[in-house]
Amino acid sequence: MRSVYFSEKELECRCCGKVDMDPEFLSMLDNLRVAFGGPLVLNSAFRCPTHNAFVGGVPNSAHTFGRAVDIRCNVGQTRFKLIGCIMALGFKRVGVAKGFIHVDNDPYLPQRVMWMY
């Protein structure tokens, strides 16, 4: 499955170029883009295990299964709007950092959680 709004380049692993995004997650991500009503810049999407370890990702990160992205966001009003859209669309895993929001739909990880970096 291809994304309507995100290019293969935006979704690929930064070290090896592999793109292996989960189709259900990619559909949710496209729906998030529509709900948000404007472009979303991805800091990170798919990560191979090697790149995930290099950037300090946790083992079995949702990124390594193509079920997560980190969306650039460093303005409070934008963060509020984006989190509202994320919650309305049924994402159940959200991480909030100063400069990005992590969102994933990994069914094998704890659900209905939000954490800070």
PDB file of N, CA and C in Angstrom:
ATOM      1  N   MET A   1       0.845  -1.190   0.000  1.00  0.00           N
ATOM      2  CA  MET A   1       0.000   0.000   0.000  1.00  0.00           C
ATOM      3  C   MET A   1       0.883   1.244   0.000  1.00  0.00           C
ATOM      4  N   ARG A   2       0.467   2.219  -0.728  1.00  0.00           N
ATOM      5  CA  ARG A   2       1.172   3.491  -0.789  1.00  0.00           C
ATOM      6  C   ARG A   2       0.367   4.547  -0.051  1.00  0.00           C
ATOM      7  N   SER A   3       1.065   5.532   0.433  1.00  0.00           N
ATOM      8  CA  SER A   3       0.429   6.652   1.110  1.00  0.00           C
ATOM      9  C   SER A   3      -0.049   7.677   0.087  1.00  0.00           C
ATOM     10  N   VAL A   4      -1.147   8.323   0.408  1.00  0.00           N
ATOM     11  CA  VAL A   4      -1.651   9.398  -0.427  1.00  0.00           C
ATOM     12  C   VAL A   4      -0.806  10.661  -0.221  1.00  0.00           C
ATOM     13  N   TYR A   5      -0.340  10.891   1.010  1.00  0.00           N
ATOM     14  CA  TYR A   5       0.310  12.151   1.365  1.00  0.00           C
ATOM     15  C   TYR A   5       1.807  12.065   1.641  1.00  0.00           C
ATOM     16  N   PHE A   6       2.326  10.877   1.886  1.00  0.00           N
ATOM     17  CA  PHE A   6       3.728  10.746   2.278  1.00  0.00           C
ATOM     18  C   PHE A   6       4.491   9.947   1.229  1.00  0.00           C
ATOM     19  N   SER A   7       5.628  10.480   0.822  1.00  0.00           N
ATOM     20  CA  SER A   7       6.431   9.817  -0.204  1.00  0.00           C
ATOM     21  C   SER A   7       7.230   8.658   0.402  1.00  0.00           C
ATOM     22  N   GLU A   8       7.686   7.778  -0.458  1.00  0.00           N
ATOM     23  CA  GLU A   8       8.539   6.665  -0.017  1.00  0.00           C
ATOM     24  C   GLU A   8       9.772   7.218   0.697  1.00  0.00           C
ATOM     25  N   LYS A   9      10.324   8.319   0.196  1.00  0.00           N
ATOM     26  CA  LYS A   9      11.511   8.935   0.792  1.00  0.00           C
ATOM     27  C   LYS A   9      11.241   9.369   2.233  1.00  0.00           C
ATOM     28  N   GLU A  10      10.063   9.914   2.504  1.00  0.00           N
ATOM     29  CA  GLU A  10       9.723  10.343   3.862  1.00  0.00           C
ATOM     30  C   GLU A  10       9.562   9.162   4.815  1.00  0.00           C
ATOM     31  N   LEU A  11       9.182   8.014   4.280  1.00  0.00           N
ATOM     32  CA  LEU A  11       8.870   6.848   5.105  1.00  0.00           C
ATOM     33  C   LEU A  11      10.042   5.885   5.268  1.00  0.00           C
ATOM     34  N   GLU A  12      11.084   6.044   4.481  1.00  0.00           N
ATOM     35  CA  GLU A  12      12.172   5.062   4.467  1.00  0.00           C
ATOM     36  C   GLU A  12      13.115   5.186   5.654  1.00  0.00           C
ATOM     37  N   CYS A  13      13.789   4.075   5.937  1.00  0.00           N
ATOM     38  CA  CYS A  13      14.832   4.056   6.959  1.00  0.00           C
ATOM     39  C   CYS A  13      15.973   4.959   6.503  1.00  0.00           C
ATOM     40  N   ARG A  14      16.468   5.773   7.413  1.00  0.00           N
ATOM     41  CA  ARG A  14      17.515   6.741   7.076  1.00  0.00           C
ATOM     42  C   ARG A  14      18.863   6.098   6.757  1.00  0.00           C
ATOM     43  N   CYS A  15      19.071   4.856   7.178  1.00  0.00           N
ATOM     44  CA  CYS A  15      20.393   4.263   6.924  1.00  0.00           C
ATOM     45  C   CYS A  15      20.408   3.322   5.722  1.00  0.00           C
ATOM     46  N   CYS A  16      19.308   2.625   5.460  1.00  0.00           N
ATOM     47  CA  CYS A  16      19.347   1.618   4.397  1.00  0.00           C
ATOM     48  C   CYS A  16      18.308   1.839   3.307  1.00  0.00           C
ATOM     49  N   GLY A  17      17.387   2.780   3.515  1.00  0.00           N
ATOM     50  CA  GLY A  17      16.390   3.079   2.498  1.00  0.00           C
ATOM     51  C   GLY A  17      15.209   2.128   2.449  1.00  0.00           C
ATOM     52  N   LYS A  18      15.172   1.146   3.329  1.00  0.00           N
ATOM     53  CA  LYS A  18      14.068   0.191   3.329  1.00  0.00           C
ATOM     54  C   LYS A  18      12.786   0.893   3.785  1.00  0.00           C
ATOM     55  N   VAL A  19      11.678   0.543   3.124  1.00  0.00           N
ATOM     56  CA  VAL A  19      10.362   1.048   3.510  1.00  0.00           C
ATOM     57  C   VAL A  19       9.470  -0.166   3.714  1.00  0.00           C
ATOM     58  N   ASP A  20       9.014  -0.364   4.937  1.00  0.00           N
ATOM     59  CA  ASP A  20       8.150  -1.512   5.226  1.00  0.00           C
ATOM     60  C   ASP A  20       7.081  -1.067   6.217  1.00  0.00           C
ATOM     61  N   MET A  21       6.227  -0.156   5.753  1.00  0.00           N
ATOM     62  CA  MET A  21       5.184   0.397   6.611  1.00  0.00           C
ATOM     63  C   MET A  21       3.964  -0.522   6.638  1.00  0.00           C
ATOM     64  N   ASP A  22       3.370  -0.646   7.811  1.00  0.00           N
ATOM     65  CA  ASP A  22       2.156  -1.421   7.997  1.00  0.00           C
ATOM     66  C   ASP A  22       1.007  -0.723   7.264  1.00  0.00           C
ATOM     67  N   PRO A  23       0.267  -1.425   6.401  1.00  0.00           N
ATOM     68  CA  PRO A  23      -0.800  -0.782   5.623  1.00  0.00           C
ATOM     69  C   PRO A  23      -1.874  -0.114   6.489  1.00  0.00           C
ATOM     70  N   GLU A  24      -2.280  -0.749   7.582  1.00  0.00           N
ATOM     71  CA  GLU A  24      -3.296  -0.151   8.456  1.00  0.00           C
ATOM     72  C   GLU A  24      -2.777   1.146   9.079  1.00  0.00           C
ATOM     73  N   PHE A  25      -1.520   1.121   9.523  1.00  0.00           N
ATOM     74  CA  PHE A  25      -0.942   2.328  10.110  1.00  0.00           C
ATOM     75  C   PHE A  25      -0.834   3.437   9.063  1.00  0.00           C
ATOM     76  N   LEU A  26      -0.414   3.088   7.864  1.00  0.00           N
ATOM     77  CA  LEU A  26      -0.260   4.083   6.801  1.00  0.00           C
ATOM     78  C   LEU A  26      -1.612   4.730   6.470  1.00  0.00           C
ATOM     79  N   SER A  27      -2.672   3.952   6.472  1.00  0.00           N
ATOM     80  CA  SER A  27      -4.010   4.489   6.249  1.00  0.00           C
ATOM     81  C   SER A  27      -4.389   5.453   7.377  1.00  0.00           C
ATOM     82  N   MET A  28      -4.093   5.082   8.617  1.00  0.00           N
ATOM     83  CA  MET A  28      -4.374   5.963   9.755  1.00  0.00           C
ATOM     84  C   MET A  28      -3.569   7.257   9.647  1.00  0.00           C
ATOM     85  N   LEU A  29      -2.322   7.143   9.188  1.00  0.00           N
ATOM     86  CA  LEU A  29      -1.471   8.321   9.040  1.00  0.00           C
ATOM     87  C   LEU A  29      -2.028   9.263   7.966  1.00  0.00           C
ATOM     88  N   ASP A  30      -2.491   8.706   6.853  1.00  0.00           N
ATOM     89  CA  ASP A  30      -3.127   9.539   5.827  1.00  0.00           C
ATOM     90  C   ASP A  30      -4.374  10.230   6.388  1.00  0.00           C
ATOM     91  N   ASN A  31      -5.163   9.493   7.170  1.00  0.00           N
ATOM     92  CA  ASN A  31      -6.358  10.089   7.787  1.00  0.00           C
ATOM     93  C   ASN A  31      -5.983  11.203   8.770  1.00  0.00           C
ATOM     94  N   LEU A  32      -4.851  11.028   9.460  1.00  0.00           N
ATOM     95  CA  LEU A  32      -4.373  12.067  10.369  1.00  0.00           C
ATOM     96  C   LEU A  32      -4.023  13.329   9.591  1.00  0.00           C
ATOM     97  N   ARG A  33      -3.389  13.171   8.458  1.00  0.00           N
ATOM     98  CA  ARG A  33      -3.026  14.317   7.614  1.00  0.00           C
ATOM     99  C   ARG A  33      -4.279  15.079   7.185  1.00  0.00           C
ATOM    100  N   VAL A  34      -5.323  14.346   6.813  1.00  0.00           N
ATOM    101  CA  VAL A  34      -6.588  14.980   6.407  1.00  0.00           C
ATOM    102  C   VAL A  34      -7.210  15.714   7.596  1.00  0.00           C
ATOM    103  N   ALA A  35      -7.295  15.047   8.741  1.00  0.00           N
ATOM    104  CA  ALA A  35      -7.908  15.644   9.931  1.00  0.00           C
ATOM    105  C   ALA A  35      -7.146  16.893  10.378  1.00  0.00           C
ATOM    106  N   PHE A  36      -5.823  16.833  10.276  1.00  0.00           N
ATOM    107  CA  PHE A  36      -4.995  17.969  10.683  1.00  0.00           C
ATOM    108  C   PHE A  36      -5.179  19.159   9.730  1.00  0.00           C
ATOM    109  N   GLY A  37      -5.426  18.854   8.475  1.00  0.00           N
ATOM    110  CA  GLY A  37      -5.705  19.907   7.508  1.00  0.00           C
ATOM    111  C   GLY A  37      -4.493  20.615   6.961  1.00  0.00           C
ATOM    112  N   GLY A  38      -3.351  19.996   7.046  1.00  0.00           N
ATOM    113  CA  GLY A  38      -2.124  20.592   6.519  1.00  0.00           C
ATOM    114  C   GLY A  38      -1.001  19.586   6.545  1.00  0.00           C
ATOM    115  N   PRO A  39       0.131  19.955   5.999  1.00  0.00           N
ATOM    116  CA  PRO A  39       1.253  19.015   5.922  1.00  0.00           C
ATOM    117  C   PRO A  39       1.765  18.604   7.297  1.00  0.00           C
ATOM    118  N   LEU A  40       2.258  17.389   7.364  1.00  0.00           N
ATOM    119  CA  LEU A  40       2.937  16.862   8.550  1.00  0.00           C
ATOM    120  C   LEU A  40       4.339  16.468   8.121  1.00  0.00           C
ATOM    121  N   VAL A  41       5.342  16.935   8.838  1.00  0.00           N
ATOM    122  CA  VAL A  41       6.736  16.612   8.523  1.00  0.00           C
ATOM    123  C   VAL A  41       7.174  15.478   9.433  1.00  0.00           C
ATOM    124  N   LEU A  42       7.660  14.409   8.820  1.00  0.00           N
ATOM    125  CA  LEU A  42       8.094  13.247   9.588  1.00  0.00           C
ATOM    126  C   LEU A  42       9.587  13.328   9.890  1.00  0.00           C
ATOM    127  N   ASN A  43       9.925  13.268  11.164  1.00  0.00           N
ATOM    128  CA  ASN A  43      11.334  13.178  11.562  1.00  0.00           C
ATOM    129  C   ASN A  43      11.840  11.760  11.393  1.00  0.00           C
ATOM    130  N   SER A  44      10.964  10.782  11.602  1.00  0.00           N
ATOM    131  CA  SER A  44      11.350   9.381  11.546  1.00  0.00           C
ATOM    132  C   SER A  44      10.117   8.546  11.246  1.00  0.00           C
ATOM    133  N   ALA A  45      10.291   7.528  10.425  1.00  0.00           N
ATOM    134  CA  ALA A  45       9.190   6.600  10.133  1.00  0.00           C
ATOM    135  C   ALA A  45       9.747   5.186  10.304  1.00  0.00           C
ATOM    136  N   PHE A  46       9.830   4.404   9.219  1.00  0.00           N
ATOM    137  CA  PHE A  46      10.364   3.054   9.343  1.00  0.00           C
ATOM    138  C   PHE A  46      11.840   3.104   9.749  1.00  0.00           C
ATOM    139  N   ARG A  47      12.224   2.205  10.641  1.00  0.00           N
ATOM    140  CA  ARG A  47      13.637   2.047  11.024  1.00  0.00           C
ATOM    141  C   ARG A  47      13.996   0.567  10.992  1.00  0.00           C
ATOM    142  N   CYS A  48      15.091   0.250  10.321  1.00  0.00           N
ATOM    143  CA  CYS A  48      15.605  -1.116  10.419  1.00  0.00           C
ATOM    144  C   CYS A  48      16.171  -1.279  11.839  1.00  0.00           C
ATOM    145  N   PRO A  49      16.334  -2.504  12.321  1.00  0.00           N
ATOM    146  CA  PRO A  49      16.863  -2.692  13.682  1.00  0.00           C
ATOM    147  C   PRO A  49      18.213  -2.007  13.919  1.00  0.00           C
ATOM    148  N   THR A  50      19.068  -1.977  12.907  1.00  0.00           N
ATOM    149  CA  THR A  50      20.381  -1.341  13.055  1.00  0.00           C
ATOM    150  C   THR A  50      20.230   0.161  13.291  1.00  0.00           C
ATOM    151  N   HIS A  51      19.414   0.809  12.483  1.00  0.00           N
ATOM    152  CA  HIS A  51      19.221   2.253  12.637  1.00  0.00           C
ATOM    153  C   HIS A  51      18.486   2.566  13.936  1.00  0.00           C
ATOM    154  N   ASN A  52      17.528   1.732  14.291  1.00  0.00           N
ATOM    155  CA  ASN A  52      16.795   1.935  15.533  1.00  0.00           C
ATOM    156  C   ASN A  52      17.758   1.921  16.724  1.00  0.00           C
ATOM    157  N   ALA A  53      18.683   0.973  16.738  1.00  0.00           N
ATOM    158  CA  ALA A  53      19.676   0.908  17.820  1.00  0.00           C
ATOM    159  C   ALA A  53      20.582   2.142  17.784  1.00  0.00           C
ATOM    160  N   PHE A  54      20.969   2.571  16.579  1.00  0.00           N
ATOM    161  CA  PHE A  54      21.857   3.720  16.430  1.00  0.00           C
ATOM    162  C   PHE A  54      21.244   4.995  17.008  1.00  0.00           C
ATOM    163  N   VAL A  55      19.928   5.176  16.830  1.00  0.00           N
ATOM    164  CA  VAL A  55      19.275   6.390  17.327  1.00  0.00           C
ATOM    165  C   VAL A  55      18.776   6.243  18.760  1.00  0.00           C
ATOM    166  N   GLY A  56      19.067   5.108  19.379  1.00  0.00           N
ATOM    167  CA  GLY A  56      18.676   4.901  20.774  1.00  0.00           C
ATOM    168  C   GLY A  56      17.254   4.420  20.956  1.00  0.00           C
ATOM    169  N   GLY A  57      16.654   3.876  19.907  1.00  0.00           N
ATOM    170  CA  GLY A  57      15.299   3.339  20.006  1.00  0.00           C
ATOM    171  C   GLY A  57      15.257   2.091  20.871  1.00  0.00           C
ATOM    172  N   VAL A  58      14.118   1.857  21.482  1.00  0.00           N
ATOM    173  CA  VAL A  58      13.959   0.677  22.327  1.00  0.00           C
ATOM    174  C   VAL A  58      13.894  -0.572  21.461  1.00  0.00           C
ATOM    175  N   PRO A  59      14.358  -1.712  21.984  1.00  0.00           N
ATOM    176  CA  PRO A  59      14.213  -2.964  21.229  1.00  0.00           C
ATOM    177  C   PRO A  59      12.728  -3.212  20.929  1.00  0.00           C
ATOM    178  N   ASN A  60      12.467  -3.783  19.781  1.00  0.00           N
ATOM    179  CA  ASN A  60      11.089  -4.046  19.330  1.00  0.00           C
ATOM    180  C   ASN A  60      10.249  -2.778  19.218  1.00  0.00           C
ATOM    181  N   SER A  61      10.890  -1.664  18.899  1.00  0.00           N
ATOM    182  CA  SER A  61      10.186  -0.402  18.671  1.00  0.00           C
ATOM    183  C   SER A  61       9.140  -0.577  17.570  1.00  0.00           C
ATOM    184  N   ALA A  62       8.021   0.112  17.715  1.00  0.00           N
ATOM    185  CA  ALA A  62       6.987   0.091  16.678  1.00  0.00           C
ATOM    186  C   ALA A  62       7.532   0.616  15.342  1.00  0.00           C
ATOM    187  N   HIS A  63       8.566   1.445  15.386  1.00  0.00           N
ATOM    188  CA  HIS A  63       9.196   1.924  14.140  1.00  0.00           C
ATOM    189  C   HIS A  63       9.739   0.758  13.325  1.00  0.00           C
ATOM    190  N   THR A  64      10.271  -0.269  13.988  1.00  0.00           N
ATOM    191  CA  THR A  64      10.886  -1.394  13.275  1.00  0.00           C
ATOM    192  C   THR A  64       9.852  -2.295  12.615  1.00  0.00           C
ATOM    193  N   PHE A  65       8.593  -2.096  12.935  1.00  0.00           N
ATOM    194  CA  PHE A  65       7.506  -2.864  12.326  1.00  0.00           C
ATOM    195  C   PHE A  65       6.647  -2.000  11.407  1.00  0.00           C
ATOM    196  N   GLY A  66       7.105  -0.762  11.168  1.00  0.00           N
ATOM    197  CA  GLY A  66       6.372   0.138  10.283  1.00  0.00           C
ATOM    198  C   GLY A  66       5.056   0.612  10.860  1.00  0.00           C
ATOM    199  N   ARG A  67       4.988   0.674  12.191  1.00  0.00           N
ATOM    200  CA  ARG A  67       3.747   1.075  12.854  1.00  0.00           C
ATOM    201  C   ARG A  67       3.915   2.361  13.656  1.00  0.00           C
ATOM    202  N   ALA A  68       4.922   3.168  13.343  1.00  0.00           N
ATOM    203  CA  ALA A  68       5.164   4.391  14.118  1.00  0.00           C
ATOM    204  C   ALA A  68       5.816   5.454  13.257  1.00  0.00           C
ATOM    205  N   VAL A  69       5.550   6.701  13.620  1.00  0.00           N
ATOM    206  CA  VAL A  69       6.262   7.844  13.057  1.00  0.00           C
ATOM    207  C   VAL A  69       6.472   8.866  14.157  1.00  0.00           C
ATOM    208  N   ASP A  70       7.474   9.700  13.960  1.00  0.00           N
ATOM    209  CA  ASP A  70       7.706  10.869  14.797  1.00  0.00           C
ATOM    210  C   ASP A  70       7.418  12.083  13.921  1.00  0.00           C
ATOM    211  N   ILE A  71       6.449  12.877  14.335  1.00  0.00           N
ATOM    212  CA  ILE A  71       5.998  14.035  13.555  1.00  0.00           C
ATOM    213  C   ILE A  71       6.597  15.296  14.157  1.00  0.00           C
ATOM    214  N   ARG A  72       7.307  16.075  13.345  1.00  0.00           N
ATOM    215  CA  ARG A  72       7.916  17.313  13.831  1.00  0.00           C
ATOM    216  C   ARG A  72       6.829  18.248  14.342  1.00  0.00           C
ATOM    217  N   CYS A  73       7.042  18.770  15.539  1.00  0.00           N
ATOM    218  CA  CYS A  73       6.058  19.672  16.136  1.00  0.00           C
ATOM    219  C   CYS A  73       6.715  20.383  17.304  1.00  0.00           C
ATOM    220  N   ASN A  74       6.914  21.692  17.179  1.00  0.00           N
ATOM    221  CA  ASN A  74       7.570  22.429  18.250  1.00  0.00           C
ATOM    222  C   ASN A  74       6.855  23.718  18.632  1.00  0.00           C
ATOM    223  N   VAL A  75       5.574  23.808  18.281  1.00  0.00           N
ATOM    224  CA  VAL A  75       4.759  24.969  18.631  1.00  0.00           C
ATOM    225  C   VAL A  75       3.558  24.476  19.444  1.00  0.00           C
ATOM    226  N   GLY A  76       3.310  25.095  20.580  1.00  0.00           N
ATOM    227  CA  GLY A  76       2.277  24.635  21.500  1.00  0.00           C
ATOM    228  C   GLY A  76       0.894  24.511  20.888  1.00  0.00           C
ATOM    229  N   GLN A  77       0.454  25.498  20.123  1.00  0.00           N
ATOM    230  CA  GLN A  77      -0.878  25.441  19.523  1.00  0.00           C
ATOM    231  C   GLN A  77      -0.973  24.321  18.494  1.00  0.00           C
ATOM    232  N   THR A  78       0.095  24.129  17.728  1.00  0.00           N
ATOM    233  CA  THR A  78       0.122  23.053  16.743  1.00  0.00           C
ATOM    234  C   THR A  78       0.112  21.703  17.441  1.00  0.00           C
ATOM    235  N   ARG A  79       0.876  21.597  18.518  1.00  0.00           N
ATOM    236  CA  ARG A  79       0.934  20.350  19.295  1.00  0.00           C
ATOM    237  C   ARG A  79      -0.455  20.001  19.832  1.00  0.00           C
ATOM    238  N   PHE A  80      -1.158  20.982  20.374  1.00  0.00           N
ATOM    239  CA  PHE A  80      -2.502  20.777  20.911  1.00  0.00           C
ATOM    240  C   PHE A  80      -3.447  20.276  19.815  1.00  0.00           C
ATOM    241  N   LYS A  81      -3.422  20.940  18.662  1.00  0.00           N
ATOM    242  CA  LYS A  81      -4.282  20.537  17.543  1.00  0.00           C
ATOM    243  C   LYS A  81      -3.941  19.127  17.068  1.00  0.00           C
ATOM    244  N   LEU A  82      -2.658  18.839  16.919  1.00  0.00           N
ATOM    245  CA  LEU A  82      -2.236  17.536  16.427  1.00  0.00           C
ATOM    246  C   LEU A  82      -2.632  16.420  17.391  1.00  0.00           C
ATOM    247  N   ILE A  83      -2.425  16.629  18.681  1.00  0.00           N
ATOM    248  CA  ILE A  83      -2.806  15.611  19.661  1.00  0.00           C
ATOM    249  C   ILE A  83      -4.322  15.402  19.651  1.00  0.00           C
ATOM    250  N   GLY A  84      -5.094  16.465  19.485  1.00  0.00           N
ATOM    251  CA  GLY A  84      -6.541  16.321  19.372  1.00  0.00           C
ATOM    252  C   GLY A  84      -6.934  15.443  18.194  1.00  0.00           C
ATOM    253  N   CYS A  85      -6.296  15.658  17.064  1.00  0.00           N
ATOM    254  CA  CYS A  85      -6.570  14.845  15.876  1.00  0.00           C
ATOM    255  C   CYS A  85      -6.145  13.388  16.097  1.00  0.00           C
ATOM    256  N   ILE A  86      -4.988  13.201  16.719  1.00  0.00           N
ATOM    257  CA  ILE A  86      -4.482  11.857  17.000  1.00  0.00           C
ATOM    258  C   ILE A  86      -5.479  11.087  17.861  1.00  0.00           C
ATOM    259  N   MET A  87      -5.970  11.717  18.902  1.00  0.00           N
ATOM    260  CA  MET A  87      -6.913  11.063  19.809  1.00  0.00           C
ATOM    261  C   MET A  87      -8.241  10.783  19.105  1.00  0.00           C
ATOM    262  N   ALA A  88      -8.732  11.737  18.327  1.00  0.00           N
ATOM    263  CA  ALA A  88     -10.014  11.575  17.632  1.00  0.00           C
ATOM    264  C   ALA A  88      -9.985  10.420  16.634  1.00  0.00           C
ATOM    265  N   LEU A  89      -8.811  10.158  16.062  1.00  0.00           N
ATOM    266  CA  LEU A  89      -8.699   9.089  15.065  1.00  0.00           C
ATOM    267  C   LEU A  89      -8.445   7.718  15.679  1.00  0.00           C
ATOM    268  N   GLY A  90      -8.292   7.651  16.990  1.00  0.00           N
ATOM    269  CA  GLY A  90      -8.180   6.349  17.636  1.00  0.00           C
ATOM    270  C   GLY A  90      -6.785   5.798  17.821  1.00  0.00           C
ATOM    271  N   PHE A  91      -5.757   6.619  17.610  1.00  0.00           N
ATOM    272  CA  PHE A  91      -4.416   6.165  17.963  1.00  0.00           C
ATOM    273  C   PHE A  91      -4.380   5.972  19.471  1.00  0.00           C
ATOM    274  N   LYS A  92      -3.723   4.937  19.922  1.00  0.00           N
ATOM    275  CA  LYS A  92      -3.730   4.627  21.353  1.00  0.00           C
ATOM    276  C   LYS A  92      -2.348   4.658  21.993  1.00  0.00           C
ATOM    277  N   ARG A  93      -1.363   5.164  21.260  1.00  0.00           N
ATOM    278  CA  ARG A  93       0.001   5.257  21.791  1.00  0.00           C
ATOM    279  C   ARG A  93       0.614   6.560  21.290  1.00  0.00           C
ATOM    280  N   VAL A  94       0.934   7.470  22.222  1.00  0.00           N
ATOM    281  CA  VAL A  94       1.442   8.791  21.855  1.00  0.00           C
ATOM    282  C   VAL A  94       2.593   9.165  22.784  1.00  0.00           C
ATOM    283  N   GLY A  95       3.687   9.610  22.207  1.00  0.00           N
ATOM    284  CA  GLY A  95       4.814  10.129  22.971  1.00  0.00           C
ATOM    285  C   GLY A  95       5.024  11.585  22.610  1.00  0.00           C
ATOM    286  N   VAL A  96       5.204  12.436  23.602  1.00  0.00           N
ATOM    287  CA  VAL A  96       5.338  13.879  23.353  1.00  0.00           C
ATOM    288  C   VAL A  96       6.728  14.342  23.773  1.00  0.00           C
ATOM    289  N   ALA A  97       7.420  14.948  22.845  1.00  0.00           N
ATOM    290  CA  ALA A  97       8.747  15.519  23.102  1.00  0.00           C
ATOM    291  C   ALA A  97       8.692  17.010  22.777  1.00  0.00           C
ATOM    292  N   LYS A  98       9.747  17.703  23.104  1.00  0.00           N
ATOM    293  CA  LYS A  98       9.787  19.150  22.851  1.00  0.00           C
ATOM    294  C   LYS A  98       9.654  19.453  21.358  1.00  0.00           C
ATOM    295  N   GLY A  99      10.252  18.638  20.518  1.00  0.00           N
ATOM    296  CA  GLY A  99      10.271  18.933  19.091  1.00  0.00           C
ATOM    297  C   GLY A  99       9.514  17.979  18.193  1.00  0.00           C
ATOM    298  N   PHE A 100       8.867  16.961  18.764  1.00  0.00           N
ATOM    299  CA  PHE A 100       8.121  16.024  17.929  1.00  0.00           C
ATOM    300  C   PHE A 100       7.061  15.300  18.749  1.00  0.00           C
ATOM    301  N   ILE A 101       6.142  14.664  18.015  1.00  0.00           N
ATOM    302  CA  ILE A 101       5.144  13.786  18.625  1.00  0.00           C
ATOM    303  C   ILE A 101       5.288  12.422  17.974  1.00  0.00           C
ATOM    304  N   HIS A 102       5.477  11.416  18.807  1.00  0.00           N
ATOM    305  CA  HIS A 102       5.522  10.028  18.347  1.00  0.00           C
ATOM    306  C   HIS A 102       4.102   9.491  18.380  1.00  0.00           C
ATOM    307  N   VAL A 103       3.699   8.823  17.317  1.00  0.00           N
ATOM    308  CA  VAL A 103       2.387   8.177  17.289  1.00  0.00           C
ATOM    309  C   VAL A 103       2.564   6.786  16.687  1.00  0.00           C
ATOM    310  N   ASP A 104       1.906   5.796  17.313  1.00  0.00           N
ATOM    311  CA  ASP A 104       1.959   4.452  16.746  1.00  0.00           C
ATOM    312  C   ASP A 104       0.682   3.689  17.047  1.00  0.00           C
ATOM    313  N   ASN A 105       0.531   2.564  16.359  1.00  0.00           N
ATOM    314  CA  ASN A 105      -0.639   1.709  16.567  1.00  0.00           C
ATOM    315  C   ASN A 105      -0.223   0.254  16.778  1.00  0.00           C
ATOM    316  N   ASP A 106       0.905   0.048  17.426  1.00  0.00           N
ATOM    317  CA  ASP A 106       1.397  -1.318  17.634  1.00  0.00           C
ATOM    318  C   ASP A 106       0.488  -2.050  18.622  1.00  0.00           C
ATOM    319  N   PRO A 107      -0.231  -3.085  18.162  1.00  0.00           N
ATOM    320  CA  PRO A 107      -1.172  -3.781  19.044  1.00  0.00           C
ATOM    321  C   PRO A 107      -0.492  -4.653  20.097  1.00  0.00           C
ATOM    322  N   TYR A 108       0.818  -4.857  19.956  1.00  0.00           N
ATOM    323  CA  TYR A 108       1.542  -5.726  20.884  1.00  0.00           C
ATOM    324  C   TYR A 108       2.183  -4.963  22.041  1.00  0.00           C
ATOM    325  N   LEU A 109       2.043  -3.650  22.027  1.00  0.00           N
ATOM    326  CA  LEU A 109       2.587  -2.812  23.095  1.00  0.00           C
ATOM    327  C   LEU A 109       1.428  -2.262  23.928  1.00  0.00           C
ATOM    328  N   PRO A 110       1.709  -1.777  25.155  1.00  0.00           N
ATOM    329  CA  PRO A 110       0.622  -1.259  26.003  1.00  0.00           C
ATOM    330  C   PRO A 110      -0.227  -0.227  25.269  1.00  0.00           C
ATOM    331  N   GLN A 111      -1.526  -0.294  25.500  1.00  0.00           N
ATOM    332  CA  GLN A 111      -2.493   0.562  24.803  1.00  0.00           C
ATOM    333  C   GLN A 111      -2.983   1.688  25.718  1.00  0.00           C
ATOM    334  N   ARG A 112      -3.524   2.733  25.069  1.00  0.00           N
ATOM    335  CA  ARG A 112      -4.093   3.888  25.779  1.00  0.00           C
ATOM    336  C   ARG A 112      -3.050   4.506  26.716  1.00  0.00           C
ATOM    337  N   VAL A 113      -1.874   4.801  26.114  1.00  0.00           N
ATOM    338  CA  VAL A 113      -0.779   5.393  26.890  1.00  0.00           C
ATOM    339  C   VAL A 113      -0.268   6.647  26.186  1.00  0.00           C
ATOM    340  N   MET A 114       0.191   7.583  27.002  1.00  0.00           N
ATOM    341  CA  MET A 114       0.864   8.777  26.501  1.00  0.00           C
ATOM    342  C   MET A 114       2.050   9.014  27.431  1.00  0.00           C
ATOM    343  N   TRP A 115       3.209   9.284  26.837  1.00  0.00           N
ATOM    344  CA  TRP A 115       4.408   9.488  27.634  1.00  0.00           C
ATOM    345  C   TRP A 115       5.161  10.709  27.156  1.00  0.00           C
ATOM    346  N   MET A 116       6.075  11.159  27.980  1.00  0.00           N
ATOM    347  CA  MET A 116       6.930  12.305  27.664  1.00  0.00           C
ATOM    348  C   MET A 116       8.362  11.801  27.449  1.00  0.00           C
ATOM    349  N   TYR A 117       9.067  12.490  26.581  1.00  0.00           N
ATOM    350  CA  TYR A 117      10.486  12.198  26.369  1.00  0.00           C
ATOM    351  C   TYR A 117      11.288  13.225  27.132  1.00  0.00           C
TER     352      TYR A 117
END
